[in-house]
N, C-alpha and C. Protein backbone atom coordinates (compact mmCIF):
# COMPACT_ATOMS: atom_id res chain seq x y z
N MET A 1 20.58 27.14 13.67
CA MET A 1 20.89 26.83 15.06
C MET A 1 20.71 28.05 15.96
N PRO A 2 21.09 29.28 15.54
CA PRO A 2 20.88 30.44 16.43
C PRO A 2 19.40 30.67 16.73
N LYS A 3 18.52 30.36 15.75
CA LYS A 3 17.09 30.53 15.95
C LYS A 3 16.60 29.59 17.06
N GLU A 4 17.08 28.34 17.04
CA GLU A 4 16.68 27.36 18.05
C GLU A 4 17.19 27.75 19.44
N ILE A 5 18.39 28.28 19.50
CA ILE A 5 18.94 28.69 20.80
C ILE A 5 18.12 29.84 21.38
N GLY A 6 17.67 30.75 20.54
CA GLY A 6 16.81 31.85 21.01
C GLY A 6 15.50 31.31 21.58
N ILE A 7 14.93 30.30 20.92
CA ILE A 7 13.69 29.69 21.42
C ILE A 7 13.94 28.96 22.73
N VAL A 8 15.09 28.28 22.86
CA VAL A 8 15.44 27.58 24.10
C VAL A 8 15.55 28.58 25.25
N ILE A 9 16.21 29.71 25.01
CA ILE A 9 16.34 30.74 26.07
C ILE A 9 14.98 31.27 26.46
N LEU A 10 14.12 31.51 25.49
CA LEU A 10 12.76 31.99 25.77
C LEU A 10 11.99 30.97 26.59
N LEU A 11 12.09 29.67 26.24
CA LEU A 11 11.38 28.62 26.98
C LEU A 11 11.89 28.51 28.42
N ILE A 12 13.20 28.58 28.61
CA ILE A 12 13.77 28.50 29.97
C ILE A 12 13.30 29.68 30.82
N SER A 13 13.28 30.86 30.23
CA SER A 13 12.81 32.03 30.99
C SER A 13 11.32 31.92 31.30
N LEU A 14 10.52 31.38 30.39
CA LEU A 14 9.10 31.17 30.66
C LEU A 14 8.88 30.15 31.77
N VAL A 15 9.64 29.06 31.77
CA VAL A 15 9.53 28.05 32.83
C VAL A 15 9.88 28.68 34.18
N PHE A 16 10.96 29.45 34.23
CA PHE A 16 11.35 30.12 35.47
C PHE A 16 10.24 31.07 35.96
N LEU A 17 9.70 31.86 35.04
CA LEU A 17 8.63 32.80 35.38
C LEU A 17 7.38 32.06 35.86
N MET A 18 7.07 30.94 35.23
CA MET A 18 5.89 30.16 35.64
C MET A 18 6.07 29.59 37.05
N TYR A 19 7.28 29.13 37.39
CA TYR A 19 7.52 28.61 38.74
C TYR A 19 7.40 29.73 39.79
N VAL A 20 7.88 30.89 39.46
CA VAL A 20 7.78 32.03 40.40
C VAL A 20 6.32 32.38 40.62
N LEU A 21 5.54 32.51 39.53
CA LEU A 21 4.12 32.86 39.66
C LEU A 21 3.32 31.75 40.35
N THR A 22 3.70 30.50 40.13
CA THR A 22 3.02 29.37 40.78
C THR A 22 3.27 29.40 42.28
N SER A 23 4.50 29.68 42.69
CA SER A 23 4.81 29.73 44.12
C SER A 23 4.04 30.87 44.81
N ILE A 24 3.88 31.99 44.13
CA ILE A 24 3.10 33.11 44.69
C ILE A 24 1.63 32.72 44.78
N LEU A 25 1.12 32.03 43.74
CA LEU A 25 -0.29 31.62 43.72
C LEU A 25 -0.58 30.58 44.80
N ILE A 26 0.39 29.70 45.08
CA ILE A 26 0.20 28.69 46.14
C ILE A 26 0.04 29.38 47.49
N LEU A 27 0.78 30.48 47.72
CA LEU A 27 0.68 31.21 48.99
C LEU A 27 -0.68 31.89 49.13
N ILE A 28 -1.25 32.35 48.00
CA ILE A 28 -2.53 33.07 48.06
C ILE A 28 -3.69 32.07 48.11
N LYS A 29 -3.81 31.17 47.11
CA LYS A 29 -4.89 30.17 47.05
C LYS A 29 -4.24 28.83 46.76
N LYS A 30 -4.34 27.92 47.71
CA LYS A 30 -3.67 26.64 47.60
C LYS A 30 -4.20 25.78 46.44
N LYS A 31 -5.52 25.69 46.28
CA LYS A 31 -6.11 24.84 45.25
C LYS A 31 -5.73 25.32 43.85
N LYS A 32 -5.86 26.60 43.58
CA LYS A 32 -5.50 27.16 42.28
C LYS A 32 -3.99 27.09 42.06
N GLY A 33 -3.22 27.19 43.11
CA GLY A 33 -1.78 27.09 43.02
C GLY A 33 -1.33 25.70 42.60
N LEU A 34 -2.02 24.65 43.11
CA LEU A 34 -1.67 23.27 42.74
C LEU A 34 -2.02 22.99 41.27
N ILE A 35 -3.15 23.56 40.81
CA ILE A 35 -3.50 23.43 39.40
C ILE A 35 -2.44 24.11 38.52
N ALA A 36 -2.01 25.30 38.93
CA ALA A 36 -0.98 26.03 38.18
C ALA A 36 0.34 25.26 38.21
N LEU A 37 0.63 24.61 39.34
CA LEU A 37 1.86 23.81 39.43
C LEU A 37 1.83 22.64 38.46
N SER A 38 0.70 21.95 38.37
CA SER A 38 0.62 20.81 37.43
C SER A 38 0.76 21.29 35.98
N LEU A 39 0.15 22.43 35.63
CA LEU A 39 0.32 22.97 34.28
C LEU A 39 1.76 23.40 34.03
N THR A 40 2.42 23.94 35.04
CA THR A 40 3.82 24.34 34.92
C THR A 40 4.72 23.12 34.69
N LEU A 41 4.42 22.02 35.39
CA LEU A 41 5.21 20.80 35.21
C LEU A 41 5.04 20.24 33.79
N ILE A 42 3.82 20.29 33.27
CA ILE A 42 3.58 19.82 31.91
C ILE A 42 4.34 20.69 30.90
N PHE A 43 4.28 22.01 31.08
CA PHE A 43 5.00 22.92 30.20
C PHE A 43 6.51 22.69 30.30
N THR A 44 7.00 22.41 31.51
CA THR A 44 8.43 22.14 31.71
C THR A 44 8.85 20.88 30.96
N PHE A 45 7.99 19.85 31.01
CA PHE A 45 8.30 18.62 30.28
C PHE A 45 8.48 18.90 28.79
N PHE A 46 7.54 19.63 28.18
CA PHE A 46 7.63 19.93 26.75
C PHE A 46 8.82 20.82 26.42
N ALA A 47 9.14 21.74 27.31
CA ALA A 47 10.31 22.61 27.10
C ALA A 47 11.60 21.78 27.14
N CYS A 48 11.67 20.84 28.09
CA CYS A 48 12.85 19.98 28.19
C CYS A 48 12.97 19.07 26.96
N TYR A 49 11.83 18.57 26.45
CA TYR A 49 11.85 17.74 25.26
C TYR A 49 12.36 18.53 24.06
N TYR A 50 11.92 19.79 23.91
CA TYR A 50 12.41 20.63 22.83
C TYR A 50 13.91 20.88 22.99
N LEU A 51 14.36 21.08 24.21
CA LEU A 51 15.78 21.28 24.49
C LEU A 51 16.57 20.03 24.07
N TYR A 52 16.03 18.85 24.38
CA TYR A 52 16.66 17.58 23.98
C TYR A 52 16.76 17.49 22.45
N LEU A 53 15.68 17.85 21.76
CA LEU A 53 15.68 17.76 20.30
C LEU A 53 16.71 18.69 19.69
N VAL A 54 16.81 19.91 20.22
CA VAL A 54 17.69 20.92 19.62
C VAL A 54 19.15 20.66 19.96
N ILE A 55 19.43 20.37 21.22
CA ILE A 55 20.83 20.27 21.64
C ILE A 55 21.43 18.89 21.35
N TYR A 56 20.66 17.82 21.54
CA TYR A 56 21.23 16.49 21.39
C TYR A 56 20.93 15.86 20.02
N LEU A 57 19.66 15.84 19.63
CA LEU A 57 19.26 15.08 18.45
C LEU A 57 19.63 15.75 17.13
N LYS A 58 19.50 17.06 17.04
CA LYS A 58 19.79 17.74 15.78
C LYS A 58 21.25 17.60 15.35
N PRO A 59 22.23 17.77 16.27
CA PRO A 59 23.63 17.57 15.84
C PRO A 59 23.91 16.14 15.36
N ILE A 60 23.27 15.16 15.99
CA ILE A 60 23.48 13.76 15.56
C ILE A 60 22.90 13.57 14.16
N THR A 61 21.73 14.13 13.91
CA THR A 61 21.10 14.01 12.60
C THR A 61 21.97 14.68 11.55
N LYS A 62 22.52 15.85 11.87
CA LYS A 62 23.39 16.56 10.93
C LYS A 62 24.64 15.74 10.62
N LYS A 63 25.16 15.06 11.63
CA LYS A 63 26.38 14.28 11.46
C LYS A 63 26.15 13.14 10.46
N PHE A 64 24.96 12.55 10.48
CA PHE A 64 24.69 11.42 9.60
C PHE A 64 24.07 11.84 8.26
N GLU A 65 23.79 13.13 8.05
CA GLU A 65 23.24 13.59 6.78
C GLU A 65 24.19 13.36 5.63
N LYS A 66 25.50 13.40 5.89
CA LYS A 66 26.47 13.23 4.80
C LYS A 66 26.42 11.83 4.22
N TYR A 67 25.89 10.87 4.99
CA TYR A 67 25.79 9.50 4.49
C TYR A 67 24.56 9.28 3.61
N SER A 68 23.63 10.21 3.61
CA SER A 68 22.41 10.01 2.82
C SER A 68 22.68 10.10 1.33
N SER A 69 23.75 10.79 0.93
CA SER A 69 24.04 10.93 -0.50
C SER A 69 24.92 9.81 -1.03
N ILE A 70 25.41 8.94 -0.15
CA ILE A 70 26.25 7.83 -0.58
C ILE A 70 25.38 6.81 -1.31
N GLU A 71 25.97 6.15 -2.28
CA GLU A 71 25.24 5.20 -3.11
C GLU A 71 24.52 4.16 -2.25
N LYS A 72 23.25 3.98 -2.54
CA LYS A 72 22.46 3.00 -1.81
C LYS A 72 22.53 1.67 -2.57
N VAL A 73 22.66 0.60 -1.84
CA VAL A 73 22.73 -0.72 -2.43
C VAL A 73 21.34 -1.34 -2.34
N ILE A 74 20.82 -1.76 -3.48
CA ILE A 74 19.52 -2.40 -3.50
C ILE A 74 19.75 -3.91 -3.60
N ILE A 75 19.24 -4.61 -2.62
CA ILE A 75 19.42 -6.06 -2.59
C ILE A 75 18.09 -6.69 -2.97
N THR A 76 18.10 -7.45 -4.04
CA THR A 76 16.88 -8.15 -4.43
C THR A 76 16.86 -9.49 -3.74
N PRO A 77 15.74 -9.84 -3.17
CA PRO A 77 15.66 -11.13 -2.47
C PRO A 77 15.86 -12.30 -3.43
N LYS A 78 16.28 -13.40 -2.88
CA LYS A 78 16.54 -14.59 -3.67
C LYS A 78 15.29 -15.05 -4.40
N ILE A 79 14.13 -14.90 -3.77
CA ILE A 79 12.87 -15.34 -4.38
C ILE A 79 12.60 -14.54 -5.65
N GLU A 80 12.84 -13.22 -5.62
CA GLU A 80 12.61 -12.38 -6.81
C GLU A 80 13.49 -12.84 -7.96
N LYS A 81 14.76 -13.16 -7.66
CA LYS A 81 15.67 -13.58 -8.72
C LYS A 81 15.17 -14.86 -9.37
N GLU A 82 14.61 -15.77 -8.58
CA GLU A 82 14.12 -17.01 -9.14
C GLU A 82 12.91 -16.77 -10.04
N LYS A 83 12.08 -15.79 -9.71
CA LYS A 83 10.90 -15.49 -10.51
C LYS A 83 11.29 -14.97 -11.89
N VAL A 84 12.42 -14.25 -11.95
CA VAL A 84 12.83 -13.62 -13.20
C VAL A 84 13.46 -14.64 -14.16
N LYS A 85 14.01 -15.72 -13.61
CA LYS A 85 14.62 -16.73 -14.48
C LYS A 85 13.54 -17.35 -15.37
N ASN A 86 13.79 -17.30 -16.66
CA ASN A 86 12.80 -17.79 -17.60
C ASN A 86 13.06 -19.23 -18.05
N ASN A 87 14.15 -19.85 -17.57
CA ASN A 87 14.48 -21.18 -18.06
C ASN A 87 13.57 -22.26 -17.48
N ASN A 88 12.82 -21.97 -16.42
CA ASN A 88 11.92 -22.97 -15.87
C ASN A 88 10.46 -22.51 -15.92
N LEU A 89 10.15 -21.58 -16.82
CA LEU A 89 8.79 -21.10 -17.01
C LEU A 89 8.27 -21.59 -18.36
N PHE A 90 7.03 -22.04 -18.35
CA PHE A 90 6.43 -22.60 -19.56
C PHE A 90 5.03 -22.05 -19.77
N LEU A 91 4.70 -21.81 -21.03
CA LEU A 91 3.34 -21.45 -21.41
C LEU A 91 2.64 -22.76 -21.78
N VAL A 92 1.47 -22.99 -21.18
CA VAL A 92 0.74 -24.23 -21.41
C VAL A 92 -0.37 -23.97 -22.42
N LEU A 93 -0.35 -24.71 -23.52
CA LEU A 93 -1.34 -24.58 -24.59
C LEU A 93 -2.15 -25.86 -24.72
N ASN A 94 -3.42 -25.71 -25.05
CA ASN A 94 -4.29 -26.85 -25.30
C ASN A 94 -4.64 -26.83 -26.78
N LEU A 95 -4.05 -27.77 -27.55
CA LEU A 95 -4.30 -27.87 -28.99
C LEU A 95 -5.22 -29.06 -29.23
N ASN A 96 -6.51 -28.78 -29.37
CA ASN A 96 -7.51 -29.82 -29.62
C ASN A 96 -7.40 -30.98 -28.63
N GLY A 97 -7.23 -30.67 -27.36
CA GLY A 97 -7.16 -31.69 -26.31
C GLY A 97 -5.76 -32.11 -25.94
N ASP A 98 -4.77 -31.80 -26.76
CA ASP A 98 -3.38 -32.13 -26.44
C ASP A 98 -2.75 -30.96 -25.67
N ILE A 99 -2.16 -31.25 -24.52
CA ILE A 99 -1.51 -30.23 -23.69
C ILE A 99 -0.05 -30.13 -24.11
N ILE A 100 0.38 -28.91 -24.43
CA ILE A 100 1.76 -28.67 -24.86
C ILE A 100 2.35 -27.57 -23.98
N LYS A 101 3.57 -27.82 -23.48
CA LYS A 101 4.29 -26.81 -22.70
C LYS A 101 5.38 -26.22 -23.59
N VAL A 102 5.38 -24.87 -23.66
CA VAL A 102 6.34 -24.17 -24.51
C VAL A 102 7.19 -23.27 -23.62
N ALA A 103 8.51 -23.39 -23.72
CA ALA A 103 9.41 -22.56 -22.92
C ALA A 103 9.41 -21.13 -23.46
N PHE A 104 9.66 -20.18 -22.56
CA PHE A 104 9.71 -18.77 -22.97
C PHE A 104 10.82 -18.57 -23.98
N GLY A 105 10.49 -17.81 -25.04
CA GLY A 105 11.45 -17.53 -26.09
C GLY A 105 11.37 -18.51 -27.25
N ASP A 106 10.65 -19.62 -27.08
CA ASP A 106 10.54 -20.62 -28.14
C ASP A 106 9.46 -20.25 -29.15
N GLU A 107 9.52 -20.91 -30.31
CA GLU A 107 8.53 -20.71 -31.36
C GLU A 107 7.83 -22.03 -31.64
N VAL A 108 6.50 -21.97 -31.78
CA VAL A 108 5.70 -23.16 -32.03
C VAL A 108 5.01 -23.00 -33.37
N GLU A 109 5.03 -24.07 -34.18
CA GLU A 109 4.32 -24.05 -35.45
C GLU A 109 2.96 -24.73 -35.25
N ILE A 110 1.90 -24.03 -35.68
CA ILE A 110 0.54 -24.54 -35.57
C ILE A 110 -0.12 -24.39 -36.94
N LYS A 111 -0.87 -25.39 -37.34
CA LYS A 111 -1.57 -25.30 -38.62
C LYS A 111 -2.67 -24.25 -38.52
N LYS A 112 -2.93 -23.59 -39.63
CA LYS A 112 -3.91 -22.50 -39.66
C LYS A 112 -5.33 -22.96 -39.36
N ASN A 113 -5.64 -24.21 -39.63
CA ASN A 113 -7.00 -24.69 -39.37
C ASN A 113 -7.19 -25.24 -37.96
N VAL A 114 -6.15 -25.22 -37.13
CA VAL A 114 -6.22 -25.73 -35.76
C VAL A 114 -6.42 -24.56 -34.80
N SER A 115 -7.37 -24.72 -33.91
CA SER A 115 -7.56 -23.70 -32.86
C SER A 115 -6.92 -24.20 -31.57
N PHE A 116 -6.54 -23.27 -30.72
CA PHE A 116 -5.90 -23.63 -29.46
C PHE A 116 -6.35 -22.68 -28.35
N ILE A 117 -6.08 -23.08 -27.12
CA ILE A 117 -6.42 -22.28 -25.93
C ILE A 117 -5.17 -22.16 -25.08
N ILE A 118 -4.89 -20.94 -24.63
CA ILE A 118 -3.81 -20.73 -23.66
C ILE A 118 -4.42 -21.06 -22.31
N THR A 119 -3.90 -22.09 -21.65
CA THR A 119 -4.53 -22.54 -20.40
C THR A 119 -3.82 -22.05 -19.15
N ASP A 120 -2.49 -21.91 -19.20
CA ASP A 120 -1.78 -21.61 -17.95
C ASP A 120 -0.34 -21.17 -18.25
N VAL A 121 0.31 -20.64 -17.23
CA VAL A 121 1.75 -20.41 -17.25
C VAL A 121 2.30 -21.22 -16.10
N ASP A 122 3.17 -22.15 -16.40
CA ASP A 122 3.69 -23.08 -15.40
C ASP A 122 5.00 -22.55 -14.83
N GLY A 123 5.14 -22.61 -13.50
CA GLY A 123 6.40 -22.25 -12.85
C GLY A 123 6.43 -20.85 -12.29
N ILE A 124 5.28 -20.18 -12.16
CA ILE A 124 5.25 -18.81 -11.64
C ILE A 124 3.95 -18.60 -10.88
N GLU A 125 4.00 -17.70 -9.91
CA GLU A 125 2.79 -17.35 -9.14
C GLU A 125 1.80 -16.64 -10.06
N LYS A 126 0.54 -16.94 -9.92
CA LYS A 126 -0.48 -16.45 -10.86
C LYS A 126 -0.99 -15.04 -10.57
N GLU A 127 -0.68 -14.49 -9.40
CA GLU A 127 -1.17 -13.16 -9.05
C GLU A 127 -0.58 -12.10 -9.98
N ASN A 128 -1.42 -11.22 -10.53
CA ASN A 128 -1.04 -10.13 -11.45
C ASN A 128 -0.37 -10.65 -12.72
N LEU A 129 -0.69 -11.86 -13.13
CA LEU A 129 -0.09 -12.46 -14.33
C LEU A 129 -1.05 -12.27 -15.50
N LYS A 130 -0.53 -11.77 -16.62
CA LYS A 130 -1.33 -11.59 -17.83
C LYS A 130 -0.62 -12.22 -19.01
N VAL A 131 -1.40 -12.94 -19.80
CA VAL A 131 -0.89 -13.54 -21.03
C VAL A 131 -1.68 -12.93 -22.18
N ASN A 132 -0.99 -12.23 -23.06
CA ASN A 132 -1.64 -11.49 -24.13
C ASN A 132 -1.13 -11.97 -25.49
N PHE A 133 -2.04 -12.56 -26.26
CA PHE A 133 -1.72 -12.92 -27.64
C PHE A 133 -1.89 -11.63 -28.45
N ILE A 134 -0.79 -11.07 -28.91
CA ILE A 134 -0.84 -9.77 -29.59
C ILE A 134 -1.47 -9.96 -30.97
N GLY A 135 -2.61 -9.29 -31.14
CA GLY A 135 -3.36 -9.42 -32.38
C GLY A 135 -4.66 -10.17 -32.19
N PHE A 136 -4.93 -10.63 -30.96
CA PHE A 136 -6.15 -11.36 -30.66
C PHE A 136 -6.83 -10.71 -29.46
N VAL A 137 -8.14 -10.56 -29.56
CA VAL A 137 -8.93 -10.00 -28.45
C VAL A 137 -9.89 -11.08 -27.99
N GLY A 138 -9.66 -11.57 -26.76
CA GLY A 138 -10.49 -12.64 -26.23
C GLY A 138 -11.91 -12.17 -25.93
N ASN A 139 -12.03 -11.04 -25.27
CA ASN A 139 -13.34 -10.50 -24.92
C ASN A 139 -13.46 -9.13 -25.58
N PRO A 140 -14.19 -9.02 -26.69
CA PRO A 140 -14.28 -7.74 -27.41
C PRO A 140 -14.94 -6.61 -26.60
N LYS A 141 -15.77 -6.97 -25.63
CA LYS A 141 -16.45 -5.95 -24.81
C LYS A 141 -15.47 -5.30 -23.83
N PHE A 142 -14.51 -6.08 -23.36
CA PHE A 142 -13.55 -5.57 -22.38
C PHE A 142 -12.19 -6.19 -22.65
N ASN A 143 -11.37 -5.50 -23.42
CA ASN A 143 -10.04 -6.02 -23.78
C ASN A 143 -9.05 -5.62 -22.69
N ASP A 144 -8.81 -6.53 -21.76
CA ASP A 144 -7.87 -6.26 -20.66
C ASP A 144 -6.50 -6.86 -20.91
N GLY A 145 -6.31 -7.45 -22.10
CA GLY A 145 -5.01 -8.03 -22.42
C GLY A 145 -4.80 -9.40 -21.80
N GLN A 146 -5.84 -10.00 -21.28
CA GLN A 146 -5.75 -11.33 -20.68
C GLN A 146 -6.41 -12.32 -21.63
N ASP A 147 -5.61 -13.20 -22.21
CA ASP A 147 -6.13 -14.14 -23.21
C ASP A 147 -6.11 -15.59 -22.73
N ILE A 148 -5.91 -15.80 -21.45
CA ILE A 148 -5.97 -17.17 -20.92
C ILE A 148 -7.42 -17.64 -20.94
N GLY A 149 -7.62 -18.85 -21.51
CA GLY A 149 -8.95 -19.45 -21.50
C GLY A 149 -9.79 -19.19 -22.74
N TYR A 150 -9.31 -18.37 -23.67
CA TYR A 150 -10.08 -18.08 -24.89
C TYR A 150 -9.59 -18.96 -26.04
N LYS A 151 -10.54 -19.38 -26.87
CA LYS A 151 -10.23 -20.18 -28.05
C LYS A 151 -9.67 -19.26 -29.13
N ILE A 152 -8.47 -19.57 -29.60
CA ILE A 152 -7.78 -18.71 -30.58
C ILE A 152 -7.74 -19.43 -31.92
N ASP A 153 -8.28 -18.76 -32.92
CA ASP A 153 -8.26 -19.26 -34.31
C ASP A 153 -7.45 -18.29 -35.15
N TYR A 154 -6.85 -18.82 -36.19
CA TYR A 154 -6.09 -17.96 -37.12
C TYR A 154 -7.00 -16.92 -37.77
N LYS A 155 -8.26 -17.28 -38.01
CA LYS A 155 -9.21 -16.37 -38.66
C LYS A 155 -9.52 -15.15 -37.80
N LYS A 156 -9.47 -15.30 -36.45
CA LYS A 156 -9.84 -14.22 -35.54
C LYS A 156 -8.69 -13.25 -35.24
N ILE A 157 -7.51 -13.54 -35.74
CA ILE A 157 -6.32 -12.74 -35.41
C ILE A 157 -6.20 -11.57 -36.37
N LYS A 158 -5.82 -10.41 -35.81
CA LYS A 158 -5.58 -9.21 -36.64
C LYS A 158 -4.24 -9.39 -37.34
N LYS A 159 -4.29 -9.41 -38.63
CA LYS A 159 -3.09 -9.72 -39.42
C LYS A 159 -2.05 -8.59 -39.39
N ASN A 160 -2.48 -7.37 -39.06
CA ASN A 160 -1.52 -6.25 -39.00
C ASN A 160 -0.59 -6.35 -37.79
N LYS A 161 -0.86 -7.25 -36.85
CA LYS A 161 -0.01 -7.43 -35.66
C LYS A 161 1.03 -8.52 -35.87
N SER A 162 1.11 -9.04 -37.08
CA SER A 162 2.07 -10.09 -37.40
C SER A 162 3.50 -9.55 -37.31
N LEU A 163 4.42 -10.45 -36.96
CA LEU A 163 5.83 -10.07 -36.86
C LEU A 163 6.59 -10.25 -38.18
N ASP A 164 5.93 -10.87 -39.16
CA ASP A 164 6.58 -11.05 -40.46
C ASP A 164 5.65 -10.58 -41.57
N SER A 165 6.17 -10.53 -42.77
CA SER A 165 5.40 -10.01 -43.91
C SER A 165 4.37 -11.02 -44.43
N LYS A 166 4.51 -12.29 -44.10
CA LYS A 166 3.58 -13.32 -44.57
C LYS A 166 2.39 -13.51 -43.64
N ASN A 167 2.30 -12.71 -42.58
CA ASN A 167 1.22 -12.80 -41.58
C ASN A 167 1.14 -14.19 -40.96
N GLN A 168 2.29 -14.73 -40.62
CA GLN A 168 2.33 -16.07 -40.03
C GLN A 168 2.82 -16.08 -38.59
N LYS A 169 3.73 -15.19 -38.24
CA LYS A 169 4.37 -15.23 -36.92
C LYS A 169 3.77 -14.16 -36.00
N TYR A 170 3.37 -14.60 -34.78
CA TYR A 170 2.76 -13.72 -33.79
C TYR A 170 3.40 -13.94 -32.42
N GLU A 171 3.29 -12.93 -31.58
CA GLU A 171 3.89 -13.00 -30.25
C GLU A 171 2.82 -13.17 -29.19
N ILE A 172 3.10 -14.02 -28.22
CA ILE A 172 2.31 -14.12 -27.00
C ILE A 172 3.17 -13.53 -25.90
N GLU A 173 2.70 -12.45 -25.32
CA GLU A 173 3.48 -11.71 -24.32
C GLU A 173 3.00 -12.08 -22.92
N ILE A 174 3.94 -12.41 -22.03
CA ILE A 174 3.61 -12.76 -20.66
C ILE A 174 4.14 -11.65 -19.76
N LYS A 175 3.22 -11.09 -18.94
CA LYS A 175 3.58 -9.99 -18.04
C LYS A 175 3.21 -10.34 -16.61
N LYS A 176 4.02 -9.86 -15.69
CA LYS A 176 3.74 -9.94 -14.26
C LYS A 176 3.59 -8.51 -13.78
N GLY A 177 2.34 -8.09 -13.52
CA GLY A 177 2.08 -6.67 -13.24
C GLY A 177 2.26 -5.91 -14.54
N ASN A 178 3.14 -4.91 -14.55
CA ASN A 178 3.42 -4.15 -15.77
C ASN A 178 4.75 -4.56 -16.40
N LYS A 179 5.43 -5.55 -15.81
CA LYS A 179 6.76 -5.94 -16.27
C LYS A 179 6.66 -7.17 -17.18
N LYS A 180 7.23 -7.05 -18.36
CA LYS A 180 7.25 -8.18 -19.30
C LYS A 180 8.29 -9.18 -18.83
N ILE A 181 7.86 -10.44 -18.68
CA ILE A 181 8.80 -11.46 -18.21
C ILE A 181 9.18 -12.46 -19.29
N GLY A 182 8.47 -12.42 -20.41
CA GLY A 182 8.84 -13.31 -21.50
C GLY A 182 7.84 -13.33 -22.63
N SER A 183 8.21 -14.05 -23.68
CA SER A 183 7.36 -14.19 -24.86
C SER A 183 7.48 -15.59 -25.42
N VAL A 184 6.39 -16.00 -26.09
CA VAL A 184 6.37 -17.23 -26.85
C VAL A 184 5.86 -16.84 -28.23
N TYR A 185 6.41 -17.44 -29.28
CA TYR A 185 6.06 -17.07 -30.64
C TYR A 185 5.28 -18.21 -31.30
N ILE A 186 4.22 -17.84 -31.97
CA ILE A 186 3.38 -18.81 -32.68
C ILE A 186 3.53 -18.54 -34.18
N LYS A 187 3.83 -19.60 -34.92
CA LYS A 187 3.94 -19.48 -36.37
C LYS A 187 2.86 -20.37 -36.99
N PHE A 188 1.95 -19.75 -37.73
CA PHE A 188 0.87 -20.48 -38.38
C PHE A 188 1.36 -20.96 -39.75
N VAL A 189 1.18 -22.26 -39.98
CA VAL A 189 1.62 -22.85 -41.26
C VAL A 189 0.43 -23.54 -41.92
N ASP A 190 0.57 -23.76 -43.24
CA ASP A 190 -0.51 -24.44 -44.01
C ASP A 190 -0.48 -25.93 -43.80
């Protein structure tokens, strides 16, 4: 604060000196004096604005700084909370023409000789949504972790990604952006 007060005193003395020199210049050359007067008025405006910032605004800002360390409350919108609820979200599978909806967290038994396609996720916005069958690569040239629309066979699955020792149970992970929102489990049976 003492540094700012020194600058304020310097600015006030400069404004005073500029008005004195402008009045002398107006007496000598009127046109140049009016130009100097307009520049003096502009400088006065900026000096007054700096004075306002230092004397009025800075103490108010300091007064409210103590509230910046108080715990901030994060309010999640109602829409976000509904998106996170997994009880009304379903993974849609196409098993040889039959459409099956599987709730998140459920396990489905599929015969090893049956192929299926993950077609959709029902009940959620599709933007930034990824469905990844862990152990299956839909596009070997570019594995982006998106397995919607690819035909999945038991033969094409990497057996080391199995969740059990019999290489039967696998996870389908559903993500929204980078956040995992749920899983569906597939168990291959004979």
